[in-house]
Amino acid sequence: MRKWIEDRTGLSKLVKVMLDEPVHGGAKWSYVFGSGLVFLFILQAVTGIVMTAFYSPSSTSAWGSVYYLQHKTSFGWFVRGLHHFGSSAMMILALVHMFQVFIFGAYKNHVN
């Protein structure tokens, strides 16, 4: 099945181009902020999609739909908590990442 998909799409070549970026100076723990941001963005997207399945945006039923998600659905409180705290963590991590990029000069062109 994998060979059939590869023959028709060339997906592995695209994945290799996207993931094979050289890290100048070597990989370090201080370089995880970008990956952390990607993880948090995916978390926000997934929890947001789950919550939209239960949310009603009308002025009469919005509060009730949030209450239903929070108290009546299985792990609704957990999904809402992940979304809430994930958004705060994403803002903090974005600031840390931007500061790190500025300090390390990662925005500069590193052509040898």
PDB file of N, CA and C in Angstrom:
ATOM      1  N   MET A   1       0.827  -1.187   0.000  1.00  0.00           N
ATOM      2  CA  MET A   1       0.000   0.000   0.000  1.00  0.00           C
ATOM      3  C   MET A   1       0.878   1.261   0.000  1.00  0.00           C
ATOM      4  N   ARG A   2       1.960   1.228   0.797  1.00  0.00           N
ATOM      5  CA  ARG A   2       2.845   2.384   0.886  1.00  0.00           C
ATOM      6  C   ARG A   2       3.502   2.676  -0.466  1.00  0.00           C
ATOM      7  N   LYS A   3       3.938   1.633  -1.164  1.00  0.00           N
ATOM      8  CA  LYS A   3       4.566   1.822  -2.469  1.00  0.00           C
ATOM      9  C   LYS A   3       3.572   2.389  -3.465  1.00  0.00           C
ATOM     10  N   TRP A   4       2.334   1.933  -3.423  1.00  0.00           N
ATOM     11  CA  TRP A   4       1.292   2.427  -4.320  1.00  0.00           C
ATOM     12  C   TRP A   4       1.055   3.924  -4.102  1.00  0.00           C
ATOM     13  N   ILE A   5       0.975   4.340  -2.842  1.00  0.00           N
ATOM     14  CA  ILE A   5       0.789   5.761  -2.529  1.00  0.00           C
ATOM     15  C   ILE A   5       2.005   6.561  -2.967  1.00  0.00           C
ATOM     16  N   GLU A   6       3.192   6.022  -2.715  1.00  0.00           N
ATOM     17  CA  GLU A   6       4.424   6.718  -3.083  1.00  0.00           C
ATOM     18  C   GLU A   6       4.542   6.882  -4.601  1.00  0.00           C
ATOM     19  N   ASP A   7       4.190   5.858  -5.352  1.00  0.00           N
ATOM     20  CA  ASP A   7       4.264   5.939  -6.810  1.00  0.00           C
ATOM     21  C   ASP A   7       3.348   7.021  -7.366  1.00  0.00           C
ATOM     22  N   ARG A   8       2.226   7.257  -6.733  1.00  0.00           N
ATOM     23  CA  ARG A   8       1.251   8.210  -7.249  1.00  0.00           C
ATOM     24  C   ARG A   8       1.391   9.626  -6.692  1.00  0.00           C
ATOM     25  N   THR A   9       1.986   9.758  -5.502  1.00  0.00           N
ATOM     26  CA  THR A   9       2.041  11.085  -4.879  1.00  0.00           C
ATOM     27  C   THR A   9       3.448  11.626  -4.680  1.00  0.00           C
ATOM     28  N   GLY A  10       4.440  10.767  -4.522  1.00  0.00           N
ATOM     29  CA  GLY A  10       5.789  11.233  -4.209  1.00  0.00           C
ATOM     30  C   GLY A  10       5.862  11.842  -2.812  1.00  0.00           C
ATOM     31  N   LEU A  11       5.053  11.331  -1.906  1.00  0.00           N
ATOM     32  CA  LEU A  11       4.914  11.892  -0.566  1.00  0.00           C
ATOM     33  C   LEU A  11       6.207  11.829   0.243  1.00  0.00           C
ATOM     34  N   SER A  12       6.974  10.757   0.124  1.00  0.00           N
ATOM     35  CA  SER A  12       8.189  10.637   0.941  1.00  0.00           C
ATOM     36  C   SER A  12       9.213  11.709   0.572  1.00  0.00           C
ATOM     37  N   LYS A  13       9.272  12.091  -0.701  1.00  0.00           N
ATOM     38  CA  LYS A  13      10.192  13.154  -1.116  1.00  0.00           C
ATOM     39  C   LYS A  13       9.778  14.488  -0.486  1.00  0.00           C
ATOM     40  N   LEU A  14       8.484  14.765  -0.439  1.00  0.00           N
ATOM     41  CA  LEU A  14       7.980  15.992   0.184  1.00  0.00           C
ATOM     42  C   LEU A  14       8.268  16.003   1.681  1.00  0.00           C
ATOM     43  N   VAL A  15       8.054  14.882   2.343  1.00  0.00           N
ATOM     44  CA  VAL A  15       8.324  14.786   3.778  1.00  0.00           C
ATOM     45  C   VAL A  15       9.807  14.978   4.053  1.00  0.00           C
ATOM     46  N   LYS A  16      10.659  14.387   3.222  1.00  0.00           N
ATOM     47  CA  LYS A  16      12.101  14.534   3.421  1.00  0.00           C
ATOM     48  C   LYS A  16      12.532  15.988   3.261  1.00  0.00           C
ATOM     49  N   VAL A  17      11.997  16.688   2.276  1.00  0.00           N
ATOM     50  CA  VAL A  17      12.339  18.094   2.061  1.00  0.00           C
ATOM     51  C   VAL A  17      11.882  18.937   3.251  1.00  0.00           C
ATOM     52  N   MET A  18      10.703  18.632   3.795  1.00  0.00           N
ATOM     53  CA  MET A  18      10.167  19.415   4.906  1.00  0.00           C
ATOM     54  C   MET A  18      10.906  19.146   6.217  1.00  0.00           C
ATOM     55  N   LEU A  19      11.358  17.925   6.445  1.00  0.00           N
ATOM     56  CA  LEU A  19      11.958  17.564   7.720  1.00  0.00           C
ATOM     57  C   LEU A  19      13.482  17.601   7.732  1.00  0.00           C
ATOM     58  N   ASP A  20      14.106  17.664   6.585  1.00  0.00           N
ATOM     59  CA  ASP A  20      15.562  17.591   6.523  1.00  0.00           C
ATOM     60  C   ASP A  20      16.157  18.990   6.385  1.00  0.00           C
ATOM     61  N   GLU A  21      16.039  19.778   7.436  1.00  0.00           N
ATOM     62  CA  GLU A  21      16.615  21.124   7.440  1.00  0.00           C
ATOM     63  C   GLU A  21      17.822  21.122   8.370  1.00  0.00           C
ATOM     64  N   PRO A  22      18.964  21.573   7.875  1.00  0.00           N
ATOM     65  CA  PRO A  22      20.147  21.562   8.733  1.00  0.00           C
ATOM     66  C   PRO A  22      20.021  22.574   9.872  1.00  0.00           C
ATOM     67  N   VAL A  23      20.490  22.185  11.040  1.00  0.00           N
ATOM     68  CA  VAL A  23      20.500  23.059  12.206  1.00  0.00           C
ATOM     69  C   VAL A  23      21.932  23.501  12.419  1.00  0.00           C
ATOM     70  N   HIS A  24      22.204  24.782  12.164  1.00  0.00           N
ATOM     71  CA  HIS A  24      23.567  25.288  12.290  1.00  0.00           C
ATOM     72  C   HIS A  24      23.965  25.323  13.761  1.00  0.00           C
ATOM     73  N   GLY A  25      25.121  24.798  14.059  1.00  0.00           N
ATOM     74  CA  GLY A  25      25.588  24.735  15.438  1.00  0.00           C
ATOM     75  C   GLY A  25      25.132  23.480  16.155  1.00  0.00           C
ATOM     76  N   GLY A  26      24.387  22.618  15.486  1.00  0.00           N
ATOM     77  CA  GLY A  26      23.922  21.378  16.092  1.00  0.00           C
ATOM     78  C   GLY A  26      22.598  21.547  16.827  1.00  0.00           C
ATOM     79  N   ALA A  27      21.910  20.456  17.002  1.00  0.00           N
ATOM     80  CA  ALA A  27      20.626  20.474  17.708  1.00  0.00           C
ATOM     81  C   ALA A  27      20.868  20.599  19.208  1.00  0.00           C
ATOM     82  N   LYS A  28      20.086  21.450  19.849  1.00  0.00           N
ATOM     83  CA  LYS A  28      20.204  21.665  21.285  1.00  0.00           C
ATOM     84  C   LYS A  28      18.816  21.734  21.889  1.00  0.00           C
ATOM     85  N   TRP A  29      18.751  21.600  23.199  1.00  0.00           N
ATOM     86  CA  TRP A  29      17.466  21.683  23.888  1.00  0.00           C
ATOM     87  C   TRP A  29      16.835  23.063  23.752  1.00  0.00           C
ATOM     88  N   SER A  30      17.661  24.074  23.527  1.00  0.00           N
ATOM     89  CA  SER A  30      17.108  25.427  23.395  1.00  0.00           C
ATOM     90  C   SER A  30      16.370  25.614  22.075  1.00  0.00           C
ATOM     91  N   TYR A  31      16.416  24.652  21.186  1.00  0.00           N
ATOM     92  CA  TYR A  31      15.743  24.751  19.896  1.00  0.00           C
ATOM     93  C   TYR A  31      14.372  24.074  19.883  1.00  0.00           C
ATOM     94  N   VAL A  32      13.828  23.720  21.013  1.00  0.00           N
ATOM     95  CA  VAL A  32      12.556  22.998  21.034  1.00  0.00           C
ATOM     96  C   VAL A  32      11.338  23.918  21.014  1.00  0.00           C
ATOM     97  N   PHE A  33      11.545  25.229  21.117  1.00  0.00           N
ATOM     98  CA  PHE A  33      10.397  26.130  21.228  1.00  0.00           C
ATOM     99  C   PHE A  33       9.543  26.154  19.965  1.00  0.00           C
ATOM    100  N   GLY A  34      10.150  26.080  18.800  1.00  0.00           N
ATOM    101  CA  GLY A  34       9.385  26.039  17.552  1.00  0.00           C
ATOM    102  C   GLY A  34       8.540  24.779  17.460  1.00  0.00           C
ATOM    103  N   SER A  35       9.127  23.648  17.825  1.00  0.00           N
ATOM    104  CA  SER A  35       8.374  22.390  17.808  1.00  0.00           C
ATOM    105  C   SER A  35       7.267  22.416  18.851  1.00  0.00           C
ATOM    106  N   GLY A  36       7.550  23.025  19.995  1.00  0.00           N
ATOM    107  CA  GLY A  36       6.520  23.169  21.021  1.00  0.00           C
ATOM    108  C   GLY A  36       5.357  24.006  20.534  1.00  0.00           C
ATOM    109  N   LEU A  37       5.651  25.047  19.771  1.00  0.00           N
ATOM    110  CA  LEU A  37       4.590  25.879  19.210  1.00  0.00           C
ATOM    111  C   LEU A  37       3.739  25.103  18.214  1.00  0.00           C
ATOM    112  N   VAL A  38       4.373  24.280  17.396  1.00  0.00           N
ATOM    113  CA  VAL A  38       3.623  23.458  16.446  1.00  0.00           C
ATOM    114  C   VAL A  38       2.714  22.492  17.201  1.00  0.00           C
ATOM    115  N   PHE A  39       3.250  21.865  18.253  1.00  0.00           N
ATOM    116  CA  PHE A  39       2.432  20.954  19.060  1.00  0.00           C
ATOM    117  C   PHE A  39       1.247  21.683  19.671  1.00  0.00           C
ATOM    118  N   LEU A  40       1.479  22.859  20.251  1.00  0.00           N
ATOM    119  CA  LEU A  40       0.391  23.610  20.867  1.00  0.00           C
ATOM    120  C   LEU A  40      -0.627  24.071  19.838  1.00  0.00           C
ATOM    121  N   PHE A  41      -0.181  24.435  18.645  1.00  0.00           N
ATOM    122  CA  PHE A  41      -1.119  24.830  17.596  1.00  0.00           C
ATOM    123  C   PHE A  41      -2.023  23.662  17.219  1.00  0.00           C
ATOM    124  N   ILE A  42      -1.438  22.475  17.062  1.00  0.00           N
ATOM    125  CA  ILE A  42      -2.240  21.289  16.740  1.00  0.00           C
ATOM    126  C   ILE A  42      -3.195  20.973  17.882  1.00  0.00           C
ATOM    127  N   LEU A  43      -2.725  21.107  19.132  1.00  0.00           N
ATOM    128  CA  LEU A  43      -3.592  20.890  20.293  1.00  0.00           C
ATOM    129  C   LEU A  43      -4.764  21.865  20.277  1.00  0.00           C
ATOM    130  N   GLN A  44      -4.495  23.145  19.988  1.00  0.00           N
ATOM    131  CA  GLN A  44      -5.558  24.141  19.925  1.00  0.00           C
ATOM    132  C   GLN A  44      -6.558  23.802  18.826  1.00  0.00           C
ATOM    133  N   ALA A  45      -6.062  23.372  17.680  1.00  0.00           N
ATOM    134  CA  ALA A  45      -6.947  23.031  16.568  1.00  0.00           C
ATOM    135  C   ALA A  45      -7.836  21.834  16.916  1.00  0.00           C
ATOM    136  N   VAL A  46      -7.241  20.799  17.474  1.00  0.00           N
ATOM    137  CA  VAL A  46      -8.005  19.583  17.792  1.00  0.00           C
ATOM    138  C   VAL A  46      -9.033  19.852  18.892  1.00  0.00           C
ATOM    139  N   THR A  47      -8.617  20.500  19.978  1.00  0.00           N
ATOM    140  CA  THR A  47      -9.571  20.774  21.059  1.00  0.00           C
ATOM    141  C   THR A  47     -10.634  21.775  20.607  1.00  0.00           C
ATOM    142  N   GLY A  48     -10.264  22.710  19.746  1.00  0.00           N
ATOM    143  CA  GLY A  48     -11.253  23.653  19.219  1.00  0.00           C
ATOM    144  C   GLY A  48     -12.296  22.960  18.369  1.00  0.00           C
ATOM    145  N   ILE A  49     -11.872  22.019  17.545  1.00  0.00           N
ATOM    146  CA  ILE A  49     -12.819  21.266  16.715  1.00  0.00           C
ATOM    147  C   ILE A  49     -13.737  20.421  17.585  1.00  0.00           C
ATOM    148  N   VAL A  50     -13.185  19.793  18.619  1.00  0.00           N
ATOM    149  CA  VAL A  50     -14.013  18.991  19.524  1.00  0.00           C
ATOM    150  C   VAL A  50     -15.049  19.881  20.224  1.00  0.00           C
ATOM    151  N   MET A  51     -14.619  21.052  20.668  1.00  0.00           N
ATOM    152  CA  MET A  51     -15.548  21.930  21.376  1.00  0.00           C
ATOM    153  C   MET A  51     -16.617  22.514  20.456  1.00  0.00           C
ATOM    154  N   THR A  52     -16.300  22.725  19.176  1.00  0.00           N
ATOM    155  CA  THR A  52     -17.318  23.257  18.267  1.00  0.00           C
ATOM    156  C   THR A  52     -18.449  22.259  18.029  1.00  0.00           C
ATOM    157  N   ALA A  53     -18.169  20.982  18.262  1.00  0.00           N
ATOM    158  CA  ALA A  53     -19.226  19.984  18.118  1.00  0.00           C
ATOM    159  C   ALA A  53     -20.320  20.164  19.167  1.00  0.00           C
ATOM    160  N   PHE A  54     -20.006  20.819  20.285  1.00  0.00           N
ATOM    161  CA  PHE A  54     -20.966  20.988  21.366  1.00  0.00           C
ATOM    162  C   PHE A  54     -21.429  22.432  21.539  1.00  0.00           C
ATOM    163  N   TYR A  55     -20.770  23.386  20.888  1.00  0.00           N
ATOM    164  CA  TYR A  55     -21.043  24.800  21.128  1.00  0.00           C
ATOM    165  C   TYR A  55     -22.160  25.315  20.233  1.00  0.00           C
ATOM    166  N   SER A  56     -23.016  26.127  20.807  1.00  0.00           N
ATOM    167  CA  SER A  56     -24.080  26.793  20.061  1.00  0.00           C
ATOM    168  C   SER A  56     -23.867  28.295  20.191  1.00  0.00           C
ATOM    169  N   PRO A  57     -23.608  29.002  19.089  1.00  0.00           N
ATOM    170  CA  PRO A  57     -23.238  30.414  19.177  1.00  0.00           C
ATOM    171  C   PRO A  57     -24.405  31.395  19.320  1.00  0.00           C
ATOM    172  N   SER A  58     -25.580  30.929  19.677  1.00  0.00           N
ATOM    173  CA  SER A  58     -26.697  31.869  19.811  1.00  0.00           C
ATOM    174  C   SER A  58     -26.664  32.530  21.187  1.00  0.00           C
ATOM    175  N   SER A  59     -27.280  33.683  21.271  1.00  0.00           N
ATOM    176  CA  SER A  59     -27.264  34.432  22.534  1.00  0.00           C
ATOM    177  C   SER A  59     -28.094  33.744  23.618  1.00  0.00           C
ATOM    178  N   THR A  60     -28.977  32.876  23.242  1.00  0.00           N
ATOM    179  CA  THR A  60     -29.817  32.201  24.240  1.00  0.00           C
ATOM    180  C   THR A  60     -29.262  30.855  24.693  1.00  0.00           C
ATOM    181  N   SER A  61     -28.433  30.233  23.881  1.00  0.00           N
ATOM    182  CA  SER A  61     -27.976  28.886  24.248  1.00  0.00           C
ATOM    183  C   SER A  61     -26.460  28.745  24.378  1.00  0.00           C
ATOM    184  N   ALA A  62     -25.711  29.818  24.243  1.00  0.00           N
ATOM    185  CA  ALA A  62     -24.247  29.716  24.322  1.00  0.00           C
ATOM    186  C   ALA A  62     -23.794  29.245  25.702  1.00  0.00           C
ATOM    187  N   TRP A  63     -24.302  29.864  26.743  1.00  0.00           N
ATOM    188  CA  TRP A  63     -23.895  29.485  28.087  1.00  0.00           C
ATOM    189  C   TRP A  63     -24.276  28.031  28.375  1.00  0.00           C
ATOM    190  N   GLY A  64     -25.457  27.636  27.966  1.00  0.00           N
ATOM    191  CA  GLY A  64     -25.915  26.266  28.190  1.00  0.00           C
ATOM    192  C   GLY A  64     -25.064  25.245  27.460  1.00  0.00           C
ATOM    193  N   SER A  65     -24.619  25.576  26.261  1.00  0.00           N
ATOM    194  CA  SER A  65     -23.790  24.629  25.522  1.00  0.00           C
ATOM    195  C   SER A  65     -22.413  24.478  26.175  1.00  0.00           C
ATOM    196  N   VAL A  66     -21.868  25.562  26.702  1.00  0.00           N
ATOM    197  CA  VAL A  66     -20.584  25.471  27.409  1.00  0.00           C
ATOM    198  C   VAL A  66     -20.760  24.678  28.704  1.00  0.00           C
ATOM    199  N   TYR A  67     -21.853  24.914  29.409  1.00  0.00           N
ATOM    200  CA  TYR A  67     -22.148  24.154  30.634  1.00  0.00           C
ATOM    201  C   TYR A  67     -22.277  22.669  30.308  1.00  0.00           C
ATOM    202  N   TYR A  68     -22.979  22.347  29.219  1.00  0.00           N
ATOM    203  CA  TYR A  68     -23.149  20.956  28.821  1.00  0.00           C
ATOM    204  C   TYR A  68     -21.785  20.316  28.529  1.00  0.00           C
ATOM    205  N   LEU A  69     -20.933  21.024  27.807  1.00  0.00           N
ATOM    206  CA  LEU A  69     -19.597  20.491  27.505  1.00  0.00           C
ATOM    207  C   LEU A  69     -18.795  20.298  28.784  1.00  0.00           C
ATOM    208  N   GLN A  70     -18.856  21.263  29.664  1.00  0.00           N
ATOM    209  CA  GLN A  70     -18.043  21.250  30.886  1.00  0.00           C
ATOM    210  C   GLN A  70     -18.498  20.171  31.870  1.00  0.00           C
ATOM    211  N   HIS A  71     -19.789  19.981  32.029  1.00  0.00           N
ATOM    212  CA  HIS A  71     -20.293  19.132  33.117  1.00  0.00           C
ATOM    213  C   HIS A  71     -20.987  17.847  32.683  1.00  0.00           C
ATOM    214  N   LYS A  72     -21.475  17.774  31.462  1.00  0.00           N
ATOM    215  CA  LYS A  72     -22.274  16.610  31.065  1.00  0.00           C
ATOM    216  C   LYS A  72     -21.568  15.644  30.120  1.00  0.00           C
ATOM    217  N   THR A  73     -20.580  16.120  29.368  1.00  0.00           N
ATOM    218  CA  THR A  73     -19.902  15.227  28.433  1.00  0.00           C
ATOM    219  C   THR A  73     -18.692  14.581  29.107  1.00  0.00           C
ATOM    220  N   SER A  74     -18.313  13.422  28.603  1.00  0.00           N
ATOM    221  CA  SER A  74     -17.144  12.732  29.137  1.00  0.00           C
ATOM    222  C   SER A  74     -15.889  13.512  28.785  1.00  0.00           C
ATOM    223  N   PHE A  75     -15.121  13.849  29.792  1.00  0.00           N
ATOM    224  CA  PHE A  75     -13.865  14.582  29.657  1.00  0.00           C
ATOM    225  C   PHE A  75     -14.016  15.937  28.971  1.00  0.00           C
ATOM    226  N   GLY A  76     -15.212  16.499  28.973  1.00  0.00           N
ATOM    227  CA  GLY A  76     -15.412  17.830  28.408  1.00  0.00           C
ATOM    228  C   GLY A  76     -14.645  18.874  29.182  1.00  0.00           C
ATOM    229  N   TRP A  77     -14.602  18.729  30.503  1.00  0.00           N
ATOM    230  CA  TRP A  77     -13.844  19.654  31.340  1.00  0.00           C
ATOM    231  C   TRP A  77     -12.364  19.609  30.994  1.00  0.00           C
ATOM    232  N   PHE A  78     -11.880  18.398  30.660  1.00  0.00           N
ATOM    233  CA  PHE A  78     -10.473  18.223  30.326  1.00  0.00           C
ATOM    234  C   PHE A  78     -10.145  18.876  28.979  1.00  0.00           C
ATOM    235  N   VAL A  79     -11.007  18.676  27.991  1.00  0.00           N
ATOM    236  CA  VAL A  79     -10.794  19.278  26.672  1.00  0.00           C
ATOM    237  C   VAL A  79     -10.833  20.800  26.772  1.00  0.00           C
ATOM    238  N   ARG A  80     -11.790  21.321  27.518  1.00  0.00           N
ATOM    239  CA  ARG A  80     -11.889  22.776  27.680  1.00  0.00           C
ATOM    240  C   ARG A  80     -10.685  23.324  28.445  1.00  0.00           C
ATOM    241  N   GLY A  81     -10.222  22.599  29.442  1.00  0.00           N
ATOM    242  CA  GLY A  81      -9.034  23.002  30.181  1.00  0.00           C
ATOM    243  C   GLY A  81      -7.786  22.985  29.320  1.00  0.00           C
ATOM    244  N   LEU A  82      -7.634  21.934  28.498  1.00  0.00           N
ATOM    245  CA  LEU A  82      -6.496  21.880  27.574  1.00  0.00           C
ATOM    246  C   LEU A  82      -6.512  23.071  26.625  1.00  0.00           C
ATOM    247  N   HIS A  83      -7.697  23.407  26.132  1.00  0.00           N
ATOM    248  CA  HIS A  83      -7.809  24.525  25.197  1.00  0.00           C
ATOM    249  C   HIS A  83      -7.487  25.848  25.899  1.00  0.00           C
ATOM    250  N   HIS A  84      -7.985  26.005  27.096  1.00  0.00           N
ATOM    251  CA  HIS A  84      -7.762  27.239  27.851  1.00  0.00           C
ATOM    252  C   HIS A  84      -6.286  27.429  28.196  1.00  0.00           C
ATOM    253  N   PHE A  85      -5.705  26.447  28.841  1.00  0.00           N
ATOM    254  CA  PHE A  85      -4.307  26.569  29.254  1.00  0.00           C
ATOM    255  C   PHE A  85      -3.342  26.472  28.072  1.00  0.00           C
ATOM    256  N   GLY A  86      -3.743  25.733  27.031  1.00  0.00           N
ATOM    257  CA  GLY A  86      -2.918  25.666  25.825  1.00  0.00           C
ATOM    258  C   GLY A  86      -2.797  27.009  25.136  1.00  0.00           C
ATOM    259  N   SER A  87      -3.866  27.803  25.165  1.00  0.00           N
ATOM    260  CA  SER A  87      -3.794  29.123  24.531  1.00  0.00           C
ATOM    261  C   SER A  87      -2.837  30.034  25.290  1.00  0.00           C
ATOM    262  N   SER A  88      -2.873  29.982  26.602  1.00  0.00           N
ATOM    263  CA  SER A  88      -1.934  30.789  27.389  1.00  0.00           C
ATOM    264  C   SER A  88      -0.504  30.327  27.179  1.00  0.00           C
ATOM    265  N   ALA A  89      -0.300  29.020  27.179  1.00  0.00           N
ATOM    266  CA  ALA A  89       1.041  28.478  26.966  1.00  0.00           C
ATOM    267  C   ALA A  89       1.547  28.828  25.574  1.00  0.00           C
ATOM    268  N   MET A  90       0.651  28.843  24.601  1.00  0.00           N
ATOM    269  CA  MET A  90       1.056  29.164  23.240  1.00  0.00           C
ATOM    270  C   MET A  90       1.532  30.609  23.132  1.00  0.00           C
ATOM    271  N   MET A  91       0.870  31.523  23.801  1.00  0.00           N
ATOM    272  CA  MET A  91       1.289  32.923  23.762  1.00  0.00           C
ATOM    273  C   MET A  91       2.654  33.104  24.442  1.00  0.00           C
ATOM    274  N   ILE A  92       2.834  32.473  25.584  1.00  0.00           N
ATOM    275  CA  ILE A  92       4.111  32.573  26.292  1.00  0.00           C
ATOM    276  C   ILE A  92       5.229  31.947  25.465  1.00  0.00           C
ATOM    277  N   LEU A  93       4.971  30.769  24.908  1.00  0.00           N
ATOM    278  CA  LEU A  93       5.988  30.083  24.118  1.00  0.00           C
ATOM    279  C   LEU A  93       6.316  30.846  22.839  1.00  0.00           C
ATOM    280  N   ALA A  94       5.328  31.505  22.252  1.00  0.00           N
ATOM    281  CA  ALA A  94       5.586  32.311  21.056  1.00  0.00           C
ATOM    282  C   ALA A  94       6.520  33.473  21.388  1.00  0.00           C
ATOM    283  N   LEU A  95       6.306  34.115  22.520  1.00  0.00           N
ATOM    284  CA  LEU A  95       7.194  35.201  22.928  1.00  0.00           C
ATOM    285  C   LEU A  95       8.610  34.688  23.203  1.00  0.00           C
ATOM    286  N   VAL A  96       8.720  33.566  23.906  1.00  0.00           N
ATOM    287  CA  VAL A  96      10.039  32.982  24.192  1.00  0.00           C
ATOM    288  C   VAL A  96      10.734  32.610  22.886  1.00  0.00           C
ATOM    289  N   HIS A  97       9.985  32.016  21.957  1.00  0.00           N
ATOM    290  CA  HIS A  97      10.551  31.610  20.676  1.00  0.00           C
ATOM    291  C   HIS A  97      11.033  32.827  19.872  1.00  0.00           C
ATOM    292  N   MET A  98      10.224  33.875  19.826  1.00  0.00           N
ATOM    293  CA  MET A  98      10.640  35.081  19.098  1.00  0.00           C
ATOM    294  C   MET A  98      11.883  35.704  19.732  1.00  0.00           C
ATOM    295  N   PHE A  99      11.936  35.724  21.048  1.00  0.00           N
ATOM    296  CA  PHE A  99      13.112  36.260  21.746  1.00  0.00           C
ATOM    297  C   PHE A  99      14.339  35.424  21.436  1.00  0.00           C
ATOM    298  N   GLN A 100      14.191  34.114  21.445  1.00  0.00           N
ATOM    299  CA  GLN A 100      15.310  33.224  21.159  1.00  0.00           C
ATOM    300  C   GLN A 100      15.793  33.386  19.722  1.00  0.00           C
ATOM    301  N   VAL A 101      14.882  33.503  18.770  1.00  0.00           N
ATOM    302  CA  VAL A 101      15.263  33.698  17.373  1.00  0.00           C
ATOM    303  C   VAL A 101      16.043  35.003  17.220  1.00  0.00           C
ATOM    304  N   PHE A 102      15.599  36.037  17.912  1.00  0.00           N
ATOM    305  CA  PHE A 102      16.289  37.318  17.845  1.00  0.00           C
ATOM    306  C   PHE A 102      17.686  37.236  18.459  1.00  0.00           C
ATOM    307  N   ILE A 103      17.785  36.635  19.644  1.00  0.00           N
ATOM    308  CA  ILE A 103      19.074  36.542  20.338  1.00  0.00           C
ATOM    309  C   ILE A 103      20.064  35.671  19.566  1.00  0.00           C
ATOM    310  N   PHE A 104      19.615  34.527  19.056  1.00  0.00           N
ATOM    311  CA  PHE A 104      20.503  33.598  18.352  1.00  0.00           C
ATOM    312  C   PHE A 104      20.769  34.039  16.914  1.00  0.00           C
ATOM    313  N   GLY A 105      20.025  35.003  16.408  1.00  0.00           N
ATOM    314  CA  GLY A 105      20.202  35.451  15.029  1.00  0.00           C
ATOM    315  C   GLY A 105      19.741  34.421  14.016  1.00  0.00           C
ATOM    316  N   ALA A 106      18.748  33.633  14.369  1.00  0.00           N
ATOM    317  CA  ALA A 106      18.282  32.562  13.491  1.00  0.00           C
ATOM    318  C   ALA A 106      17.564  33.097  12.256  1.00  0.00           C
ATOM    319  N   TYR A 107      17.199  34.356  12.247  1.00  0.00           N
ATOM    320  CA  TYR A 107      16.526  34.959  11.109  1.00  0.00           C
ATOM    321  C   TYR A 107      17.504  35.322   9.988  1.00  0.00           C
ATOM    322  N   LYS A 108      18.795  35.280  10.287  1.00  0.00           N
ATOM    323  CA  LYS A 108      19.801  35.649   9.288  1.00  0.00           C
ATOM    324  C   LYS A 108      20.035  34.513   8.302  1.00  0.00           C
ATOM    325  N   ASN A 109      20.439  34.884   7.094  1.00  0.00           N
ATOM    326  CA  ASN A 109      20.743  33.899   6.068  1.00  0.00           C
ATOM    327  C   ASN A 109      22.107  33.293   6.363  1.00  0.00           C
ATOM    328  N   HIS A 110      22.173  31.967   6.517  1.00  0.00           N
ATOM    329  CA  HIS A 110      23.420  31.288   6.887  1.00  0.00           C
ATOM    330  C   HIS A 110      24.036  30.578   5.681  1.00  0.00           C
ATOM    331  N   VAL A 111      24.197  31.281   4.593  1.00  0.00           N
ATOM    332  CA  VAL A 111      24.790  30.676   3.399  1.00  0.00           C
ATOM    333  C   VAL A 111      26.306  30.729   3.545  1.00  0.00           C
ATOM    334  N   ASN A 112      26.952  29.611   3.317  1.00  0.00           N
ATOM    335  CA  ASN A 112      28.427  29.556   3.437  1.00  0.00           C
ATOM    336  C   ASN A 112      29.100  29.935   2.152  1.00  0.00           C
TER     337      ASN A 112
END
